[in-house]
PDB file of N, CA and C in Angstrom:
ATOM      1  N   MET A   1     -29.440   5.194  62.826  1.00  0.00           N
ATOM      2  CA  MET A   1     -28.722   4.340  61.893  1.00  0.00           C
ATOM      3  C   MET A   1     -29.553   3.114  61.528  1.00  0.00           C
ATOM      4  N   GLN A   2     -30.191   2.482  62.535  1.00  0.00           N
ATOM      5  CA  GLN A   2     -31.003   1.300  62.247  1.00  0.00           C
ATOM      6  C   GLN A   2     -32.205   1.650  61.400  1.00  0.00           C
ATOM      7  N   LEU A   3     -32.787   2.810  61.618  1.00  0.00           N
ATOM      8  CA  LEU A   3     -33.934   3.240  60.847  1.00  0.00           C
ATOM      9  C   LEU A   3     -33.562   3.361  59.372  1.00  0.00           C
ATOM     10  N   GLY A   4     -32.397   3.880  59.089  1.00  0.00           N
ATOM     11  CA  GLY A   4     -31.922   4.014  57.714  1.00  0.00           C
ATOM     12  C   GLY A   4     -31.686   2.664  57.064  1.00  0.00           C
ATOM     13  N   MET A   5     -31.180   1.701  57.807  1.00  0.00           N
ATOM     14  CA  MET A   5     -30.929   0.356  57.274  1.00  0.00           C
ATOM     15  C   MET A   5     -32.243  -0.362  56.964  1.00  0.00           C
ATOM     16  N   SER A   6     -33.243  -0.198  57.821  1.00  0.00           N
ATOM     17  CA  SER A   6     -34.517  -0.871  57.569  1.00  0.00           C
ATOM     18  C   SER A   6     -35.201  -0.266  56.347  1.00  0.00           C
ATOM     19  N   LYS A   7     -35.081   1.045  56.163  1.00  0.00           N
ATOM     20  CA  LYS A   7     -35.638   1.676  54.965  1.00  0.00           C
ATOM     21  C   LYS A   7     -34.921   1.172  53.721  1.00  0.00           C
ATOM     22  N   LEU A   8     -33.625   1.027  53.811  1.00  0.00           N
ATOM     23  CA  LEU A   8     -32.841   0.529  52.682  1.00  0.00           C
ATOM     24  C   LEU A   8     -33.216  -0.917  52.346  1.00  0.00           C
ATOM     25  N   ALA A   9     -33.433  -1.729  53.381  1.00  0.00           N
ATOM     26  CA  ALA A   9     -33.829  -3.122  53.168  1.00  0.00           C
ATOM     27  C   ALA A   9     -35.210  -3.193  52.504  1.00  0.00           C
ATOM     28  N   CYS A  10     -36.144  -2.354  52.954  1.00  0.00           N
ATOM     29  CA  CYS A  10     -37.487  -2.319  52.357  1.00  0.00           C
ATOM     30  C   CYS A  10     -37.417  -1.870  50.905  1.00  0.00           C
ATOM     31  N   LEU A  11     -36.581  -0.891  50.638  1.00  0.00           N
ATOM     32  CA  LEU A  11     -36.414  -0.396  49.273  1.00  0.00           C
ATOM     33  C   LEU A  11     -35.838  -1.486  48.366  1.00  0.00           C
ATOM     34  N   ALA A  12     -34.868  -2.227  48.876  1.00  0.00           N
ATOM     35  CA  ALA A  12     -34.266  -3.311  48.095  1.00  0.00           C
ATOM     36  C   ALA A  12     -35.292  -4.413  47.817  1.00  0.00           C
ATOM     37  N   LEU A  13     -36.106  -4.744  48.816  1.00  0.00           N
ATOM     38  CA  LEU A  13     -37.139  -5.760  48.642  1.00  0.00           C
ATOM     39  C   LEU A  13     -38.159  -5.301  47.611  1.00  0.00           C
ATOM     40  N   PHE A  14     -38.586  -4.053  47.699  1.00  0.00           N
ATOM     41  CA  PHE A  14     -39.546  -3.489  46.765  1.00  0.00           C
ATOM     42  C   PHE A  14     -38.986  -3.514  45.343  1.00  0.00           C
ATOM     43  N   ALA A  15     -37.721  -3.140  45.179  1.00  0.00           N
ATOM     44  CA  ALA A  15     -37.088  -3.149  43.861  1.00  0.00           C
ATOM     45  C   ALA A  15     -37.025  -4.569  43.295  1.00  0.00           C
ATOM     46  N   GLY A  16     -36.757  -5.539  44.167  1.00  0.00           N
ATOM     47  CA  GLY A  16     -36.713  -6.929  43.728  1.00  0.00           C
ATOM     48  C   GLY A  16     -38.066  -7.420  43.239  1.00  0.00           C
ATOM     49  N   VAL A  17     -39.123  -7.071  43.963  1.00  0.00           N
ATOM     50  CA  VAL A  17     -40.476  -7.462  43.571  1.00  0.00           C
ATOM     51  C   VAL A  17     -40.832  -6.824  42.229  1.00  0.00           C
ATOM     52  N   LEU A  18     -40.522  -5.546  42.056  1.00  0.00           N
ATOM     53  CA  LEU A  18     -40.798  -4.868  40.796  1.00  0.00           C
ATOM     54  C   LEU A  18     -40.044  -5.514  39.641  1.00  0.00           C
ATOM     55  N   LEU A  19     -38.827  -5.908  39.875  1.00  0.00           N
ATOM     56  CA  LEU A  19     -38.027  -6.548  38.837  1.00  0.00           C
ATOM     57  C   LEU A  19     -38.657  -7.872  38.401  1.00  0.00           C
ATOM     58  N   VAL A  20     -39.097  -8.672  39.354  1.00  0.00           N
ATOM     59  CA  VAL A  20     -39.732  -9.955  39.038  1.00  0.00           C
ATOM     60  C   VAL A  20     -41.033  -9.733  38.281  1.00  0.00           C
ATOM     61  N   LEU A  21     -41.854  -8.782  38.738  1.00  0.00           N
ATOM     62  CA  LEU A  21     -43.119  -8.508  38.069  1.00  0.00           C
ATOM     63  C   LEU A  21     -42.922  -7.975  36.656  1.00  0.00           C
ATOM     64  N   SER A  22     -41.948  -7.111  36.477  1.00  0.00           N
ATOM     65  CA  SER A  22     -41.724  -6.550  35.142  1.00  0.00           C
ATOM     66  C   SER A  22     -41.200  -7.609  34.182  1.00  0.00           C
ATOM     67  N   SER A  23     -40.378  -8.515  34.638  1.00  0.00           N
ATOM     68  CA  SER A  23     -39.883  -9.563  33.751  1.00  0.00           C
ATOM     69  C   SER A  23     -41.002 -10.531  33.384  1.00  0.00           C
ATOM     70  N   ALA A  24     -41.918 -10.808  34.302  1.00  0.00           N
ATOM     71  CA  ALA A  24     -43.057 -11.669  34.000  1.00  0.00           C
ATOM     72  C   ALA A  24     -43.968 -11.005  32.983  1.00  0.00           C
ATOM     73  N   THR A  25     -44.182  -9.721  33.103  1.00  0.00           N
ATOM     74  CA  THR A  25     -45.018  -8.987  32.167  1.00  0.00           C
ATOM     75  C   THR A  25     -44.372  -8.958  30.790  1.00  0.00           C
ATOM     76  N   GLU A  26     -43.079  -8.754  30.734  1.00  0.00           N
ATOM     77  CA  GLU A  26     -42.378  -8.734  29.452  1.00  0.00           C
ATOM     78  C   GLU A  26     -42.505 -10.068  28.746  1.00  0.00           C
ATOM     79  N   MET A  27     -42.397 -11.168  29.481  1.00  0.00           N
ATOM     80  CA  MET A  27     -42.529 -12.483  28.870  1.00  0.00           C
ATOM     81  C   MET A  27     -43.935 -12.653  28.322  1.00  0.00           C
ATOM     82  N   LYS A  28     -44.930 -12.187  29.028  1.00  0.00           N
ATOM     83  CA  LYS A  28     -46.303 -12.317  28.581  1.00  0.00           C
ATOM     84  C   LYS A  28     -46.540 -11.515  27.308  1.00  0.00           C
ATOM     85  N   VAL A  29     -46.014 -10.312  27.252  1.00  0.00           N
ATOM     86  CA  VAL A  29     -46.207  -9.452  26.095  1.00  0.00           C
ATOM     87  C   VAL A  29     -45.541 -10.052  24.865  1.00  0.00           C
ATOM     88  N   LYS A  30     -44.398 -10.655  25.017  1.00  0.00           N
ATOM     89  CA  LYS A  30     -43.677 -11.216  23.880  1.00  0.00           C
ATOM     90  C   LYS A  30     -44.437 -12.389  23.244  1.00  0.00           C
ATOM     91  N   SER A  31     -45.295 -13.056  24.010  1.00  0.00           N
ATOM     92  CA  SER A  31     -45.957 -14.232  23.476  1.00  0.00           C
ATOM     93  C   SER A  31     -47.382 -13.956  22.993  1.00  0.00           C
ATOM     94  N   CYS A  32     -47.721 -12.700  22.773  1.00  0.00           N
ATOM     95  CA  CYS A  32     -49.068 -12.394  22.305  1.00  0.00           C
ATOM     96  C   CYS A  32     -49.036 -11.921  20.852  1.00  0.00           C
ATOM     97  N   CYS A  33     -50.214 -11.937  20.232  1.00  0.00           N
ATOM     98  CA  CYS A  33     -50.330 -11.506  18.838  1.00  0.00           C
ATOM     99  C   CYS A  33     -50.389  -9.986  18.772  1.00  0.00           C
ATOM    100  N   THR A  34     -49.567  -9.428  17.919  1.00  0.00           N
ATOM    101  CA  THR A  34     -49.606  -7.988  17.666  1.00  0.00           C
ATOM    102  C   THR A  34     -49.935  -7.710  16.206  1.00  0.00           C
ATOM    103  N   LYS A  35     -49.951  -8.755  15.388  1.00  0.00           N
ATOM    104  CA  LYS A  35     -50.323  -8.665  13.972  1.00  0.00           C
ATOM    105  C   LYS A  35     -51.203  -9.861  13.642  1.00  0.00           C
ATOM    106  N   LEU A  36     -52.069  -9.698  12.642  1.00  0.00           N
ATOM    107  CA  LEU A  36     -52.994 -10.757  12.258  1.00  0.00           C
ATOM    108  C   LEU A  36     -52.766 -11.220  10.834  1.00  0.00           C
ATOM    109  N   SER A  37     -53.159 -12.438  10.580  1.00  0.00           N
ATOM    110  CA  SER A  37     -53.164 -12.983   9.231  1.00  0.00           C
ATOM    111  C   SER A  37     -54.623 -13.206   8.835  1.00  0.00           C
ATOM    112  N   ILE A  38     -54.948 -12.925   7.569  1.00  0.00           N
ATOM    113  CA  ILE A  38     -56.297 -13.215   7.086  1.00  0.00           C
ATOM    114  C   ILE A  38     -56.292 -14.412   6.139  1.00  0.00           C
ATOM    115  N   ALA A  39     -55.129 -14.987   5.920  1.00  0.00           N
ATOM    116  CA  ALA A  39     -54.990 -16.131   5.015  1.00  0.00           C
ATOM    117  C   ALA A  39     -55.454 -17.415   5.698  1.00  0.00           C
ATOM    118  N   ASN A  40     -55.992 -18.336   4.900  1.00  0.00           N
ATOM    119  CA  ASN A  40     -56.331 -19.657   5.419  1.00  0.00           C
ATOM    120  C   ASN A  40     -55.060 -20.364   5.867  1.00  0.00           C
ATOM    121  N   ILE A  41     -55.209 -21.245   6.816  1.00  0.00           N
ATOM    122  CA  ILE A  41     -54.062 -21.986   7.348  1.00  0.00           C
ATOM    123  C   ILE A  41     -53.997 -23.340   6.650  1.00  0.00           C
ATOM    124  N   SER A  42     -52.838 -23.670   6.107  1.00  0.00           N
ATOM    125  CA  SER A  42     -52.694 -24.941   5.390  1.00  0.00           C
ATOM    126  C   SER A  42     -52.194 -26.063   6.309  1.00  0.00           C
ATOM    127  N   ALA A  43     -51.501 -25.721   7.379  1.00  0.00           N
ATOM    128  CA  ALA A  43     -50.999 -26.740   8.311  1.00  0.00           C
ATOM    129  C   ALA A  43     -52.151 -27.293   9.143  1.00  0.00           C
ATOM    130  N   PRO A  44     -52.054 -28.549   9.573  1.00  0.00           N
ATOM    131  CA  PRO A  44     -53.114 -29.120  10.412  1.00  0.00           C
ATOM    132  C   PRO A  44     -53.278 -28.326  11.721  1.00  0.00           C
ATOM    133  N   ILE A  45     -54.537 -27.962  12.029  1.00  0.00           N
ATOM    134  CA  ILE A  45     -54.845 -27.208  13.244  1.00  0.00           C
ATOM    135  C   ILE A  45     -55.204 -28.203  14.336  1.00  0.00           C
ATOM    136  N   ILE A  46     -54.538 -28.075  15.498  1.00  0.00           N
ATOM    137  CA  ILE A  46     -54.773 -29.019  16.592  1.00  0.00           C
ATOM    138  C   ILE A  46     -55.440 -28.360  17.800  1.00  0.00           C
ATOM    139  N   GLY A  47     -55.611 -27.053  17.748  1.00  0.00           N
ATOM    140  CA  GLY A  47     -56.271 -26.361  18.848  1.00  0.00           C
ATOM    141  C   GLY A  47     -56.333 -24.871  18.584  1.00  0.00           C
ATOM    142  N   TYR A  48     -56.976 -24.163  19.502  1.00  0.00           N
ATOM    143  CA  TYR A  48     -57.062 -22.714  19.367  1.00  0.00           C
ATOM    144  C   TYR A  48     -57.281 -22.078  20.733  1.00  0.00           C
ATOM    145  N   ARG A  49     -57.079 -20.786  20.786  1.00  0.00           N
ATOM    146  CA  ARG A  49     -57.407 -19.992  21.966  1.00  0.00           C
ATOM    147  C   ARG A  49     -57.796 -18.599  21.493  1.00  0.00           C
ATOM    148  N   ILE A  50     -58.580 -17.923  22.301  1.00  0.00           N
ATOM    149  CA  ILE A  50     -59.004 -16.567  21.986  1.00  0.00           C
ATOM    150  C   ILE A  50     -58.114 -15.613  22.765  1.00  0.00           C
ATOM    151  N   GLN A  51     -57.552 -14.647  22.075  1.00  0.00           N
ATOM    152  CA  GLN A  51     -56.740 -13.626  22.734  1.00  0.00           C
ATOM    153  C   GLN A  51     -57.536 -12.326  22.761  1.00  0.00           C
ATOM    154  N   LYS A  52     -57.704 -11.768  23.949  1.00  0.00           N
ATOM    155  CA  LYS A  52     -58.427 -10.508  24.086  1.00  0.00           C
ATOM    156  C   LYS A  52     -57.478  -9.337  23.867  1.00  0.00           C
ATOM    157  N   LYS A  53     -58.046  -8.195  23.529  1.00  0.00           N
ATOM    158  CA  LYS A  53     -57.250  -6.998  23.314  1.00  0.00           C
ATOM    159  C   LYS A  53     -56.723  -6.488  24.653  1.00  0.00           C
ATOM    160  N   ASN A  54     -55.429  -6.347  24.751  1.00  0.00           N
ATOM    161  CA  ASN A  54     -54.742  -5.799  25.915  1.00  0.00           C
ATOM    162  C   ASN A  54     -53.416  -5.277  25.386  1.00  0.00           C
ATOM    163  N   LEU A  55     -53.437  -4.040  24.903  1.00  0.00           N
ATOM    164  CA  LEU A  55     -52.291  -3.469  24.193  1.00  0.00           C
ATOM    165  C   LEU A  55     -50.971  -3.784  24.859  1.00  0.00           C
ATOM    166  N   PRO A  56     -49.980  -4.178  24.103  1.00  0.00           N
ATOM    167  CA  PRO A  56     -49.878  -4.172  22.650  1.00  0.00           C
ATOM    168  C   PRO A  56     -50.533  -5.383  21.988  1.00  0.00           C
ATOM    169  N   CYS A  57     -51.100  -6.294  22.779  1.00  0.00           N
ATOM    170  CA  CYS A  57     -51.767  -7.465  22.210  1.00  0.00           C
ATOM    171  C   CYS A  57     -53.092  -7.034  21.586  1.00  0.00           C
ATOM    172  N   ILE A  58     -53.456  -7.687  20.496  1.00  0.00           N
ATOM    173  CA  ILE A  58     -54.687  -7.354  19.796  1.00  0.00           C
ATOM    174  C   ILE A  58     -55.653  -8.536  19.859  1.00  0.00           C
ATOM    175  N   ARG A  59     -56.924  -8.254  19.608  1.00  0.00           N
ATOM    176  CA  ARG A  59     -57.926  -9.314  19.615  1.00  0.00           C
ATOM    177  C   ARG A  59     -57.645 -10.264  18.456  1.00  0.00           C
ATOM    178  N   ALA A  60     -57.592 -11.564  18.770  1.00  0.00           N
ATOM    179  CA  ALA A  60     -57.239 -12.541  17.739  1.00  0.00           C
ATOM    180  C   ALA A  60     -57.690 -13.936  18.142  1.00  0.00           C
ATOM    181  N   VAL A  61     -57.783 -14.790  17.154  1.00  0.00           N
ATOM    182  CA  VAL A  61     -57.928 -16.223  17.383  1.00  0.00           C
ATOM    183  C   VAL A  61     -56.556 -16.809  17.083  1.00  0.00           C
ATOM    184  N   VAL A  62     -55.981 -17.453  18.078  1.00  0.00           N
ATOM    185  CA  VAL A  62     -54.643 -18.020  17.924  1.00  0.00           C
ATOM    186  C   VAL A  62     -54.799 -19.520  17.706  1.00  0.00           C
ATOM    187  N   PHE A  63     -54.530 -19.945  16.470  1.00  0.00           N
ATOM    188  CA  PHE A  63     -54.629 -21.359  16.145  1.00  0.00           C
ATOM    189  C   PHE A  63     -53.298 -22.039  16.433  1.00  0.00           C
ATOM    190  N   GLU A  64     -53.382 -23.169  17.097  1.00  0.00           N
ATOM    191  CA  GLU A  64     -52.196 -23.990  17.338  1.00  0.00           C
ATOM    192  C   GLU A  64     -52.137 -25.019  16.220  1.00  0.00           C
ATOM    193  N   THR A  65     -51.058 -24.976  15.457  1.00  0.00           N
ATOM    194  CA  THR A  65     -50.883 -25.918  14.353  1.00  0.00           C
ATOM    195  C   THR A  65     -49.683 -26.808  14.644  1.00  0.00           C
ATOM    196  N   THR A  66     -49.480 -27.777  13.779  1.00  0.00           N
ATOM    197  CA  THR A  66     -48.320 -28.652  13.924  1.00  0.00           C
ATOM    198  C   THR A  66     -47.026 -27.885  13.657  1.00  0.00           C
ATOM    199  N   GLU A  67     -47.139 -26.700  13.052  1.00  0.00           N
ATOM    200  CA  GLU A  67     -45.957 -25.892  12.738  1.00  0.00           C
ATOM    201  C   GLU A  67     -45.786 -24.695  13.682  1.00  0.00           C
ATOM    202  N   GLY A  68     -46.685 -24.538  14.652  1.00  0.00           N
ATOM    203  CA  GLY A  68     -46.603 -23.411  15.581  1.00  0.00           C
ATOM    204  C   GLY A  68     -47.914 -22.653  15.657  1.00  0.00           C
ATOM    205  N   GLU A  69     -47.887 -21.500  16.324  1.00  0.00           N
ATOM    206  CA  GLU A  69     -49.098 -20.700  16.493  1.00  0.00           C
ATOM    207  C   GLU A  69     -49.244 -19.669  15.378  1.00  0.00           C
ATOM    208  N   ILE A  70     -50.498 -19.459  14.962  1.00  0.00           N
ATOM    209  CA  ILE A  70     -50.799 -18.479  13.921  1.00  0.00           C
ATOM    210  C   ILE A  70     -51.922 -17.584  14.428  1.00  0.00           C
ATOM    211  N   CYS A  71     -51.707 -16.281  14.346  1.00  0.00           N
ATOM    212  CA  CYS A  71     -52.690 -15.294  14.802  1.00  0.00           C
ATOM    213  C   CYS A  71     -53.615 -14.955  13.643  1.00  0.00           C
ATOM    214  N   SER A  72     -54.900 -15.247  13.828  1.00  0.00           N
ATOM    215  CA  SER A  72     -55.864 -15.029  12.759  1.00  0.00           C
ATOM    216  C   SER A  72     -56.894 -13.984  13.158  1.00  0.00           C
ATOM    217  N   HIS A  73     -57.430 -13.318  12.140  1.00  0.00           N
ATOM    218  CA  HIS A  73     -58.441 -12.289  12.380  1.00  0.00           C
ATOM    219  C   HIS A  73     -59.754 -12.962  12.749  1.00  0.00           C
ATOM    220  N   TRP A  74     -60.339 -12.542  13.839  1.00  0.00           N
ATOM    221  CA  TRP A  74     -61.528 -13.190  14.374  1.00  0.00           C
ATOM    222  C   TRP A  74     -62.781 -12.957  13.542  1.00  0.00           C
ATOM    223  N   LYS A  75     -62.765 -12.011  12.621  1.00  0.00           N
ATOM    224  CA  LYS A  75     -63.951 -11.730  11.805  1.00  0.00           C
ATOM    225  C   LYS A  75     -63.994 -12.534  10.503  1.00  0.00           C
ATOM    226  N   GLN A  76     -62.984 -13.293  10.204  1.00  0.00           N
ATOM    227  CA  GLN A  76     -62.961 -14.088   8.982  1.00  0.00           C
ATOM    228  C   GLN A  76     -63.944 -15.255   9.102  1.00  0.00           C
ATOM    229  N   ASP A  77     -64.729 -15.486   8.048  1.00  0.00           N
ATOM    230  CA  ASP A  77     -65.724 -16.566   8.068  1.00  0.00           C
ATOM    231  C   ASP A  77     -65.074 -17.928   8.326  1.00  0.00           C
ATOM    232  N   TRP A  78     -63.953 -18.188   7.683  1.00  0.00           N
ATOM    233  CA  TRP A  78     -63.313 -19.493   7.823  1.00  0.00           C
ATOM    234  C   TRP A  78     -62.825 -19.716   9.254  1.00  0.00           C
ATOM    235  N   VAL A  79     -62.481 -18.620   9.960  1.00  0.00           N
ATOM    236  CA  VAL A  79     -62.026 -18.745  11.351  1.00  0.00           C
ATOM    237  C   VAL A  79     -63.184 -19.238  12.216  1.00  0.00           C
ATOM    238  N   TYR A  80     -64.344 -18.617  12.059  1.00  0.00           N
ATOM    239  CA  TYR A  80     -65.529 -19.030  12.816  1.00  0.00           C
ATOM    240  C   TYR A  80     -65.883 -20.485  12.503  1.00  0.00           C
ATOM    241  N   GLU A  81     -65.852 -20.847  11.238  1.00  0.00           N
ATOM    242  CA  GLU A  81     -66.180 -22.219  10.836  1.00  0.00           C
ATOM    243  C   GLU A  81     -65.200 -23.221  11.430  1.00  0.00           C
ATOM    244  N   LYS A  82     -63.926 -22.866  11.460  1.00  0.00           N
ATOM    245  CA  LYS A  82     -62.908 -23.766  12.015  1.00  0.00           C
ATOM    246  C   LYS A  82     -63.103 -23.942  13.517  1.00  0.00           C
ATOM    247  N   ILE A  83     -63.455 -22.858  14.208  1.00  0.00           N
ATOM    248  CA  ILE A  83     -63.710 -22.962  15.646  1.00  0.00           C
ATOM    249  C   ILE A  83     -64.895 -23.892  15.901  1.00  0.00           C
ATOM    250  N   MET A  84     -65.964 -23.747  15.120  1.00  0.00           N
ATOM    251  CA  MET A  84     -67.136 -24.613  15.274  1.00  0.00           C
ATOM    252  C   MET A  84     -66.762 -26.073  15.027  1.00  0.00           C
ATOM    253  N   GLU A  85     -65.924 -26.310  14.025  1.00  0.00           N
ATOM    254  CA  GLU A  85     -65.467 -27.670  13.720  1.00  0.00           C
ATOM    255  C   GLU A  85     -64.654 -28.243  14.881  1.00  0.00           C
ATOM    256  N   LEU A  86     -63.737 -27.454  15.421  1.00  0.00           N
ATOM    257  CA  LEU A  86     -62.903 -27.912  16.545  1.00  0.00           C
ATOM    258  C   LEU A  86     -63.751 -28.165  17.789  1.00  0.00           C
ATOM    259  N   GLU A  87     -64.742 -27.316  18.044  1.00  0.00           N
ATOM    260  CA  GLU A  87     -65.623 -27.508  19.196  1.00  0.00           C
ATOM    261  C   GLU A  87     -66.473 -28.765  19.041  1.00  0.00           C
ATOM    262  N   LYS A  88     -66.930 -29.043  17.830  1.00  0.00           N
ATOM    263  CA  LYS A  88     -67.712 -30.247  17.572  1.00  0.00           C
ATOM    264  C   LYS A  88     -66.870 -31.494  17.855  1.00  0.00           C
ATOM    265  N   ILE A  89     -65.636 -31.482  17.394  1.00  0.00           N
ATOM    266  CA  ILE A  89     -64.723 -32.604  17.635  1.00  0.00           C
ATOM    267  C   ILE A  89     -64.477 -32.782  19.130  1.00  0.00           C
ATOM    268  N   ARG A  90     -64.261 -31.659  19.828  1.00  0.00           N
ATOM    269  CA  ARG A  90     -64.009 -31.709  21.270  1.00  0.00           C
ATOM    270  C   ARG A  90     -65.210 -32.297  22.006  1.00  0.00           C
ATOM    271  N   LYS A  91     -66.430 -31.878  21.638  1.00  0.00           N
ATOM    272  CA  LYS A  91     -67.633 -32.383  22.289  1.00  0.00           C
ATOM    273  C   LYS A  91     -67.839 -33.868  22.003  1.00  0.00           C
ATOM    274  N   GLU A  92     -67.543 -34.282  20.778  1.00  0.00           N
ATOM    275  CA  GLU A  92     -67.665 -35.702  20.433  1.00  0.00           C
ATOM    276  C   GLU A  92     -66.699 -36.547  21.251  1.00  0.00           C
ATOM    277  N   ARG A  93     -65.499 -36.044  21.439  1.00  0.00           N
ATOM    278  CA  ARG A  93     -64.512 -36.782  22.243  1.00  0.00           C
ATOM    279  C   ARG A  93     -64.969 -36.890  23.693  1.00  0.00           C
ATOM    280  N   MET A  94     -65.536 -35.805  24.211  1.00  0.00           N
ATOM    281  CA  MET A  94     -66.023 -35.819  25.596  1.00  0.00           C
ATOM    282  C   MET A  94     -67.178 -36.811  25.732  1.00  0.00           C
ATOM    283  N   THR A  95     -68.083 -36.833  24.766  1.00  0.00           N
ATOM    284  CA  THR A  95     -69.226 -37.753  24.792  1.00  0.00           C
ATOM    285  C   THR A  95     -68.747 -39.191  24.680  1.00  0.00           C
ATOM    286  N   ASP A  96     -67.795 -39.441  23.773  1.00  0.00           N
ATOM    287  CA  ASP A  96     -67.246 -40.794  23.611  1.00  0.00           C
ATOM    288  C   ASP A  96     -66.586 -41.296  24.880  1.00  0.00           C
ATOM    289  N   SER A  97     -65.858 -40.439  25.557  1.00  0.00           N
ATOM    290  CA  SER A  97     -65.163 -40.868  26.775  1.00  0.00           C
ATOM    291  C   SER A  97     -66.145 -41.124  27.911  1.00  0.00           C
ATOM    292  N   LYS A  98     -67.305 -40.458  27.903  1.00  0.00           N
ATOM    293  CA  LYS A  98     -68.313 -40.683  28.944  1.00  0.00           C
ATOM    294  C   LYS A  98     -69.121 -41.942  28.685  1.00  0.00           C
ATOM    295  N   THR A  99     -69.328 -42.314  27.427  1.00  0.00           N
ATOM    296  CA  THR A  99     -70.165 -43.465  27.096  1.00  0.00           C
ATOM    297  C   THR A  99     -69.398 -44.780  27.052  1.00  0.00           C
ATOM    298  N   LYS A 100     -68.090 -44.731  26.953  1.00  0.00           N
ATOM    299  CA  LYS A 100     -67.306 -45.960  26.923  1.00  0.00           C
ATOM    300  C   LYS A 100     -67.293 -46.583  28.306  1.00  0.00           C
ATOM    301  N   PRO A 101     -67.591 -47.873  28.393  1.00  0.00           N
ATOM    302  CA  PRO A 101     -67.545 -48.533  29.697  1.00  0.00           C
ATOM    303  C   PRO A 101     -66.106 -48.669  30.169  1.00  0.00           C
ATOM    304  N   SER A 102     -65.914 -48.502  31.456  1.00  0.00           N
ATOM    305  CA  SER A 102     -64.566 -48.658  31.998  1.00  0.00           C
ATOM    306  C   SER A 102     -64.256 -50.138  32.165  1.00  0.00           C
ATOM    307  N   THR A 103     -63.022 -50.507  31.934  1.00  0.00           N
ATOM    308  CA  THR A 103     -62.613 -51.910  32.063  1.00  0.00           C
ATOM    309  C   THR A 103     -62.171 -52.164  33.494  1.00  0.00           C
ATOM    310  N   PRO A 104     -62.556 -53.318  34.042  1.00  0.00           N
ATOM    311  CA  PRO A 104     -62.187 -53.611  35.434  1.00  0.00           C
ATOM    312  C   PRO A 104     -60.737 -53.951  35.609  1.00  0.00           C
TER     313      PRO A 104
END
């Protein structure tokens, strides 16, 4: 009888772990790009991230704008240019923060 109860407890624990993992995976899948836009973005862009292909997610550059995230095609010339512009700004900010003297 005890052997059956311990197996049941292990099964319940295993089912609980699977439930937590599957819900975490579902949340991750819902927040990825599955379609791309090739249009230029008119809203101010404040950041970006690269999304790798991991089906159903597709390879994309995800721009963070003041109006939300936009999934863009990574092969578009303007996308590459915008990334270079954002990286230049980021590097300038890092350099400025290193060269400014700290106040006592």
